[in-house]
């Protein structure tokens, strides 16, 4: 599947959102969940809608490799 062309401003905004999420996100804490980070950190600084934020989050998660499964058997270990 071919990647869509992304404008430079969209790429920069995406990088800023990724950086903010990496700094503040902590799984398991409701005050540090992605929605709370959007409301307190991203929206005041970048000024994007919640829908755009979640679209960027799916792009971020698609770029990250999946974590290794501890139950998966290894072939050459």
PDB file of N, CA and C in Angstrom:
ATOM      1  N   UNK A   1       0.847  -1.176   0.000  1.00  0.00           N
ATOM      2  CA  UNK A   1       0.000   0.000   0.000  1.00  0.00           C
ATOM      3  C   UNK A   1       0.892   1.239   0.000  1.00  0.00           C
ATOM      4  N   UNK A   2       0.655   2.095  -0.918  1.00  0.00           N
ATOM      5  CA  UNK A   2       1.467   3.304  -1.057  1.00  0.00           C
ATOM      6  C   UNK A   2       1.096   4.318   0.026  1.00  0.00           C
ATOM      7  N   UNK A   3       2.099   5.021   0.500  1.00  0.00           N
ATOM      8  CA  UNK A   3       1.852   6.062   1.499  1.00  0.00           C
ATOM      9  C   UNK A   3       1.307   7.302   0.823  1.00  0.00           C
ATOM     10  N   UNK A   4       0.413   7.957   1.516  1.00  0.00           N
ATOM     11  CA  UNK A   4      -0.111   9.210   1.007  1.00  0.00           C
ATOM     12  C   UNK A   4       0.951  10.289   1.128  1.00  0.00           C
ATOM     13  N   UNK A   5       0.899  11.236   0.216  1.00  0.00           N
ATOM     14  CA  UNK A   5       1.811  12.368   0.304  1.00  0.00           C
ATOM     15  C   UNK A   5       1.398  13.227   1.489  1.00  0.00           C
ATOM     16  N   UNK A   6       2.366  13.578   2.313  1.00  0.00           N
ATOM     17  CA  UNK A   6       2.094  14.415   3.468  1.00  0.00           C
ATOM     18  C   UNK A   6       2.856  15.717   3.313  1.00  0.00           C
ATOM     19  N   UNK A   7       2.180  16.779   3.635  1.00  0.00           N
ATOM     20  CA  UNK A   7       2.798  18.087   3.561  1.00  0.00           C
ATOM     21  C   UNK A   7       3.794  18.247   4.703  1.00  0.00           C
ATOM     22  N   UNK A   8       4.754  19.136   4.509  1.00  0.00           N
ATOM     23  CA  UNK A   8       5.804  19.349   5.492  1.00  0.00           C
ATOM     24  C   UNK A   8       5.234  19.836   6.820  1.00  0.00           C
ATOM     25  N   UNK A   9       4.229  20.687   6.775  1.00  0.00           N
ATOM     26  CA  UNK A   9       3.630  21.193   8.008  1.00  0.00           C
ATOM     27  C   UNK A   9       2.947  20.068   8.789  1.00  0.00           C
ATOM     28  N   UNK A  10       2.337  19.124   8.084  1.00  0.00           N
ATOM     29  CA  UNK A  10       1.706  17.984   8.738  1.00  0.00           C
ATOM     30  C   UNK A  10       2.755  17.096   9.371  1.00  0.00           C
ATOM     31  N   UNK A  11       3.863  16.895   8.702  1.00  0.00           N
ATOM     32  CA  UNK A  11       4.949  16.092   9.261  1.00  0.00           C
ATOM     33  C   UNK A  11       5.524  16.743  10.513  1.00  0.00           C
ATOM     34  N   UNK A  12       5.724  18.044  10.476  1.00  0.00           N
ATOM     35  CA  UNK A  12       6.244  18.751  11.645  1.00  0.00           C
ATOM     36  C   UNK A  12       5.271  18.678  12.822  1.00  0.00           C
ATOM     37  N   UNK A  13       3.993  18.853  12.533  1.00  0.00           N
ATOM     38  CA  UNK A  13       2.974  18.771  13.585  1.00  0.00           C
ATOM     39  C   UNK A  13       2.940  17.359  14.172  1.00  0.00           C
ATOM     40  N   UNK A  14       3.043  16.360  13.319  1.00  0.00           N
ATOM     41  CA  UNK A  14       3.055  14.978  13.777  1.00  0.00           C
ATOM     42  C   UNK A  14       4.254  14.707  14.670  1.00  0.00           C
ATOM     43  N   UNK A  15       5.407  15.224  14.302  1.00  0.00           N
ATOM     44  CA  UNK A  15       6.610  15.052  15.118  1.00  0.00           C
ATOM     45  C   UNK A  15       6.459  15.732  16.476  1.00  0.00           C
ATOM     46  N   UNK A  16       5.857  16.913  16.510  1.00  0.00           N
ATOM     47  CA  UNK A  16       5.650  17.608  17.783  1.00  0.00           C
ATOM     48  C   UNK A  16       4.703  16.829  18.687  1.00  0.00           C
ATOM     49  N   UNK A  17       3.633  16.258  18.090  1.00  0.00           N
ATOM     50  CA  UNK A  17       2.684  15.464  18.879  1.00  0.00           C
ATOM     51  C   UNK A  17       3.373  14.222  19.422  1.00  0.00           C
ATOM     52  N   UNK A  18       4.167  13.543  18.603  1.00  0.00           N
ATOM     53  CA  UNK A  18       4.899  12.355  19.058  1.00  0.00           C
ATOM     54  C   UNK A  18       5.812  12.696  20.228  1.00  0.00           C
ATOM     55  N   UNK A  19       6.499  13.821  20.119  1.00  0.00           N
ATOM     56  CA  UNK A  19       7.422  14.245  21.167  1.00  0.00           C
ATOM     57  C   UNK A  19       6.678  14.513  22.474  1.00  0.00           C
ATOM     58  N   UNK A  20       5.551  15.193  22.405  1.00  0.00           N
ATOM     59  CA  UNK A  20       4.761  15.495  23.601  1.00  0.00           C
ATOM     60  C   UNK A  20       4.255  14.211  24.238  1.00  0.00           C
ATOM     61  N   UNK A  21       3.784  13.278  23.420  1.00  0.00           N
ATOM     62  CA  UNK A  21       3.277  12.012  23.947  1.00  0.00           C
ATOM     63  C   UNK A  21       4.402  11.227  24.614  1.00  0.00           C
ATOM     64  N   UNK A  22       5.574  11.174  23.985  1.00  0.00           N
ATOM     65  CA  UNK A  22       6.702  10.447  24.580  1.00  0.00           C
ATOM     66  C   UNK A  22       7.098  11.036  25.935  1.00  0.00           C
ATOM     67  N   UNK A  23       7.025  12.342  26.069  1.00  0.00           N
ATOM     68  CA  UNK A  23       7.417  12.994  27.323  1.00  0.00           C
ATOM     69  C   UNK A  23       6.417  12.743  28.448  1.00  0.00           C
ATOM     70  N   UNK A  24       5.122  12.749  28.141  1.00  0.00           N
ATOM     71  CA  UNK A  24       4.111  12.794  29.196  1.00  0.00           C
ATOM     72  C   UNK A  24       3.285  11.529  29.371  1.00  0.00           C
ATOM     73  N   UNK A  25       3.245  10.612  28.417  1.00  0.00           N
ATOM     74  CA  UNK A  25       2.358   9.452  28.494  1.00  0.00           C
ATOM     75  C   UNK A  25       2.887   8.411  29.474  1.00  0.00           C
ATOM     76  N   UNK A  26       2.010   7.942  30.355  1.00  0.00           N
ATOM     77  CA  UNK A  26       2.312   6.851  31.278  1.00  0.00           C
ATOM     78  C   UNK A  26       1.108   5.907  31.277  1.00  0.00           C
ATOM     79  N   UNK A  27       1.295   4.674  30.786  1.00  0.00           N
ATOM     80  CA  UNK A  27       0.155   3.743  30.760  1.00  0.00           C
ATOM     81  C   UNK A  27      -0.300   3.404  32.172  1.00  0.00           C
ATOM     82  N   UNK A  28      -1.601   3.318  32.348  1.00  0.00           N
ATOM     83  CA  UNK A  28      -2.152   2.972  33.649  1.00  0.00           C
ATOM     84  C   UNK A  28      -2.548   4.155  34.508  1.00  0.00           C
ATOM     85  N   UNK A  29      -2.137   5.346  34.147  1.00  0.00           N
ATOM     86  CA  UNK A  29      -2.496   6.534  34.917  1.00  0.00           C
ATOM     87  C   UNK A  29      -3.518   7.354  34.144  1.00  0.00           C
ATOM     88  N   UNK A  30      -4.647   7.644  34.781  1.00  0.00           N
ATOM     89  CA  UNK A  30      -5.695   8.381  34.087  1.00  0.00           C
ATOM     90  C   UNK A  30      -5.322   9.835  33.867  1.00  0.00           C
ATOM     91  N   UNK A  31      -4.504  10.404  34.717  1.00  0.00           N
ATOM     92  CA  UNK A  31      -4.103  11.792  34.510  1.00  0.00           C
ATOM     93  C   UNK A  31      -2.988  11.911  33.487  1.00  0.00           C
ATOM     94  N   UNK A  32      -2.422  10.806  33.032  1.00  0.00           N
ATOM     95  CA  UNK A  32      -1.367  10.810  32.021  1.00  0.00           C
ATOM     96  C   UNK A  32      -1.760   9.986  30.789  1.00  0.00           C
ATOM     97  N   UNK A  33      -3.079   9.736  30.621  1.00  0.00           N
ATOM     98  CA  UNK A  33      -3.530   9.001  29.439  1.00  0.00           C
ATOM     99  C   UNK A  33      -3.456   9.927  28.219  1.00  0.00           C
ATOM    100  N   UNK A  34      -3.601   9.366  27.042  1.00  0.00           N
ATOM    101  CA  UNK A  34      -3.433  10.152  25.818  1.00  0.00           C
ATOM    102  C   UNK A  34      -4.487  11.249  25.696  1.00  0.00           C
ATOM    103  N   UNK A  35      -5.714  10.967  26.111  1.00  0.00           N
ATOM    104  CA  UNK A  35      -6.757  11.986  26.031  1.00  0.00           C
ATOM    105  C   UNK A  35      -6.457  13.154  26.975  1.00  0.00           C
ATOM    106  N   UNK A  36      -5.997  12.857  28.182  1.00  0.00           N
ATOM    107  CA  UNK A  36      -5.660  13.925  29.122  1.00  0.00           C
ATOM    108  C   UNK A  36      -4.475  14.743  28.615  1.00  0.00           C
ATOM    109  N   UNK A  37      -3.508  14.077  27.995  1.00  0.00           N
ATOM    110  CA  UNK A  37      -2.366  14.801  27.427  1.00  0.00           C
ATOM    111  C   UNK A  37      -2.833  15.688  26.283  1.00  0.00           C
ATOM    112  N   UNK A  38      -3.764  15.177  25.475  1.00  0.00           N
ATOM    113  CA  UNK A  38      -4.299  16.012  24.391  1.00  0.00           C
ATOM    114  C   UNK A  38      -4.949  17.266  24.971  1.00  0.00           C
ATOM    115  N   UNK A  39      -5.791  17.083  25.977  1.00  0.00           N
ATOM    116  CA  UNK A  39      -6.538  18.211  26.534  1.00  0.00           C
ATOM    117  C   UNK A  39      -5.654  19.233  27.245  1.00  0.00           C
ATOM    118  N   UNK A  40      -4.605  18.772  27.926  1.00  0.00           N
ATOM    119  CA  UNK A  40      -3.799  19.691  28.728  1.00  0.00           C
ATOM    120  C   UNK A  40      -2.538  20.182  28.026  1.00  0.00           C
ATOM    121  N   UNK A  41      -1.974  19.394  27.141  1.00  0.00           N
ATOM    122  CA  UNK A  41      -0.682  19.747  26.541  1.00  0.00           C
ATOM    123  C   UNK A  41      -0.770  20.048  25.047  1.00  0.00           C
ATOM    124  N   UNK A  42      -1.438  19.183  24.290  1.00  0.00           N
ATOM    125  CA  UNK A  42      -1.410  19.299  22.825  1.00  0.00           C
ATOM    126  C   UNK A  42      -2.324  20.406  22.321  1.00  0.00           C
ATOM    127  N   UNK A  43      -3.585  20.418  22.763  1.00  0.00           N
ATOM    128  CA  UNK A  43      -4.546  21.397  22.253  1.00  0.00           C
ATOM    129  C   UNK A  43      -4.134  22.836  22.525  1.00  0.00           C
ATOM    130  N   UNK A  44      -3.662  23.182  23.728  1.00  0.00           N
ATOM    131  CA  UNK A  44      -3.246  24.575  23.942  1.00  0.00           C
ATOM    132  C   UNK A  44      -2.027  24.984  23.129  1.00  0.00           C
ATOM    133  N   UNK A  45      -1.107  24.044  22.878  1.00  0.00           N
ATOM    134  CA  UNK A  45       0.135  24.388  22.183  1.00  0.00           C
ATOM    135  C   UNK A  45      -0.032  24.341  20.672  1.00  0.00           C
ATOM    136  N   UNK A  46      -0.572  23.241  20.158  1.00  0.00           N
ATOM    137  CA  UNK A  46      -0.640  23.034  18.714  1.00  0.00           C
ATOM    138  C   UNK A  46      -1.978  23.496  18.133  1.00  0.00           C
ATOM    139  N   UNK A  47      -3.054  23.337  18.886  1.00  0.00           N
ATOM    140  CA  UNK A  47      -4.353  23.812  18.423  1.00  0.00           C
ATOM    141  C   UNK A  47      -4.990  22.935  17.369  1.00  0.00           C
ATOM    142  N   UNK A  48      -4.888  21.612  17.532  1.00  0.00           N
ATOM    143  CA  UNK A  48      -5.528  20.699  16.582  1.00  0.00           C
ATOM    144  C   UNK A  48      -6.773  20.112  17.229  1.00  0.00           C
ATOM    145  N   UNK A  49      -7.671  19.594  16.403  1.00  0.00           N
ATOM    146  CA  UNK A  49      -8.884  18.998  16.928  1.00  0.00           C
ATOM    147  C   UNK A  49      -8.583  17.612  17.486  1.00  0.00           C
ATOM    148  N   UNK A  50      -9.528  17.103  18.265  1.00  0.00           N
ATOM    149  CA  UNK A  50      -9.340  15.770  18.844  1.00  0.00           C
ATOM    150  C   UNK A  50      -9.297  14.699  17.761  1.00  0.00           C
ATOM    151  N   UNK A  51     -10.083  14.864  16.725  1.00  0.00           N
ATOM    152  CA  UNK A  51     -10.091  13.909  15.619  1.00  0.00           C
ATOM    153  C   UNK A  51      -8.727  13.867  14.925  1.00  0.00           C
ATOM    154  N   UNK A  52      -8.129  15.013  14.696  1.00  0.00           N
ATOM    155  CA  UNK A  52      -6.802  15.066  14.081  1.00  0.00           C
ATOM    156  C   UNK A  52      -5.773  14.430  14.997  1.00  0.00           C
ATOM    157  N   UNK A  53      -5.898  14.661  16.303  1.00  0.00           N
ATOM    158  CA  UNK A  53      -4.988  14.049  17.258  1.00  0.00           C
ATOM    159  C   UNK A  53      -5.045  12.536  17.170  1.00  0.00           C
ATOM    160  N   UNK A  54      -6.247  11.957  17.146  1.00  0.00           N
ATOM    161  CA  UNK A  54      -6.367  10.494  17.080  1.00  0.00           C
ATOM    162  C   UNK A  54      -5.893   9.962  15.730  1.00  0.00           C
ATOM    163  N   UNK A  55      -6.081  10.717  14.673  1.00  0.00           N
ATOM    164  CA  UNK A  55      -5.563  10.294  13.363  1.00  0.00           C
ATOM    165  C   UNK A  55      -4.041  10.250  13.399  1.00  0.00           C
ATOM    166  N   UNK A  56      -3.424  11.250  13.994  1.00  0.00           N
ATOM    167  CA  UNK A  56      -1.969  11.254  14.127  1.00  0.00           C
ATOM    168  C   UNK A  56      -1.500  10.120  15.032  1.00  0.00           C
ATOM    169  N   UNK A  57      -2.277   9.787  16.068  1.00  0.00           N
ATOM    170  CA  UNK A  57      -1.904   8.685  16.952  1.00  0.00           C
ATOM    171  C   UNK A  57      -1.914   7.354  16.219  1.00  0.00           C
ATOM    172  N   UNK A  58      -2.873   7.144  15.325  1.00  0.00           N
ATOM    173  CA  UNK A  58      -2.885   5.887  14.572  1.00  0.00           C
ATOM    174  C   UNK A  58      -1.693   5.822  13.631  1.00  0.00           C
ATOM    175  N   UNK A  59      -1.270   6.963  13.090  1.00  0.00           N
ATOM    176  CA  UNK A  59      -0.078   6.984  12.246  1.00  0.00           C
ATOM    177  C   UNK A  59       1.164   6.705  13.072  1.00  0.00           C
ATOM    178  N   UNK A  60       1.222   7.226  14.276  1.00  0.00           N
ATOM    179  CA  UNK A  60       2.369   6.989  15.158  1.00  0.00           C
ATOM    180  C   UNK A  60       2.445   5.509  15.506  1.00  0.00           C
ATOM    181  N   UNK A  61       1.309   4.911  15.880  1.00  0.00           N
ATOM    182  CA  UNK A  61       1.293   3.511  16.258  1.00  0.00           C
ATOM    183  C   UNK A  61       1.587   2.605  15.071  1.00  0.00           C
ATOM    184  N   UNK A  62       1.217   3.025  13.859  1.00  0.00           N
ATOM    185  CA  UNK A  62       1.514   2.225  12.678  1.00  0.00           C
ATOM    186  C   UNK A  62       3.003   2.237  12.361  1.00  0.00           C
ATOM    187  N   UNK A  63       3.704   3.310  12.712  1.00  0.00           N
ATOM    188  CA  UNK A  63       5.137   3.413  12.446  1.00  0.00           C
ATOM    189  C   UNK A  63       5.970   2.612  13.444  1.00  0.00           C
ATOM    190  N   UNK A  64       5.455   2.400  14.647  1.00  0.00           N
ATOM    191  CA  UNK A  64       6.208   1.679  15.658  1.00  0.00           C
ATOM    192  C   UNK A  64       6.130   0.176  15.407  1.00  0.00           C
ATOM    193  N   UNK A  65       7.241  -0.551  15.578  1.00  0.00           N
ATOM    194  CA  UNK A  65       7.176  -2.004  15.420  1.00  0.00           C
ATOM    195  C   UNK A  65       6.409  -2.620  16.583  1.00  0.00           C
ATOM    196  N   UNK A  66       5.714  -3.723  16.356  1.00  0.00           N
ATOM    197  CA  UNK A  66       4.980  -4.347  17.460  1.00  0.00           C
ATOM    198  C   UNK A  66       5.957  -4.929  18.483  1.00  0.00           C
ATOM    199  N   UNK A  67       5.586  -4.909  19.758  1.00  0.00           N
ATOM    200  CA  UNK A  67       6.486  -5.456  20.776  1.00  0.00           C
ATOM    201  C   UNK A  67       6.600  -6.971  20.599  1.00  0.00           C
ATOM    202  N   UNK A  68       7.744  -7.550  20.947  1.00  0.00           N
ATOM    203  CA  UNK A  68       7.892  -8.995  20.786  1.00  0.00           C
ATOM    204  C   UNK A  68       6.979  -9.747  21.751  1.00  0.00           C
ATOM    205  N   UNK A  69       6.425 -10.840  21.286  1.00  0.00           N
ATOM    206  CA  UNK A  69       5.537 -11.661  22.078  1.00  0.00           C
ATOM    207  C   UNK A  69       6.372 -12.601  22.947  1.00  0.00           C
ATOM    208  N   UNK A  70       6.254 -12.545  24.269  1.00  0.00           N
ATOM    209  CA  UNK A  70       7.076 -13.411  25.122  1.00  0.00           C
ATOM    210  C   UNK A  70       6.712 -14.892  24.984  1.00  0.00           C
ATOM    211  N   UNK A  71       5.516 -15.186  24.482  1.00  0.00           N
ATOM    212  CA  UNK A  71       5.096 -16.569  24.323  1.00  0.00           C
ATOM    213  C   UNK A  71       5.533 -17.173  22.990  1.00  0.00           C
ATOM    214  N   UNK A  72       6.039 -16.344  22.100  1.00  0.00           N
ATOM    215  CA  UNK A  72       6.467 -16.837  20.794  1.00  0.00           C
ATOM    216  C   UNK A  72       7.791 -17.592  20.931  1.00  0.00           C
ATOM    217  N   UNK A  73       7.828 -18.789  20.346  1.00  0.00           N
ATOM    218  CA  UNK A  73       9.051 -19.583  20.391  1.00  0.00           C
ATOM    219  C   UNK A  73      10.089 -18.988  19.451  1.00  0.00           C
ATOM    220  N   UNK A  74      11.353 -19.088  19.864  1.00  0.00           N
ATOM    221  CA  UNK A  74      12.460 -18.567  19.057  1.00  0.00           C
ATOM    222  C   UNK A  74      13.070 -19.718  18.257  1.00  0.00           C
ATOM    223  N   UNK A  75      13.463 -19.444  17.041  1.00  0.00           N
ATOM    224  CA  UNK A  75      14.031 -20.470  16.192  1.00  0.00           C
ATOM    225  C   UNK A  75      15.523 -20.669  16.443  1.00  0.00           C
ATOM    226  N   UNK A  76      16.270 -19.583  16.611  1.00  0.00           N
ATOM    227  CA  UNK A  76      17.723 -19.670  16.747  1.00  0.00           C
ATOM    228  C   UNK A  76      18.208 -19.113  18.078  1.00  0.00           C
ATOM    229  N   UNK A  77      17.626 -19.527  19.164  1.00  0.00           N
ATOM    230  CA  UNK A  77      18.108 -19.095  20.493  1.00  0.00           C
ATOM    231  C   UNK A  77      18.584 -20.275  21.290  1.00  0.00           C
TER     232      UNK A  77
END
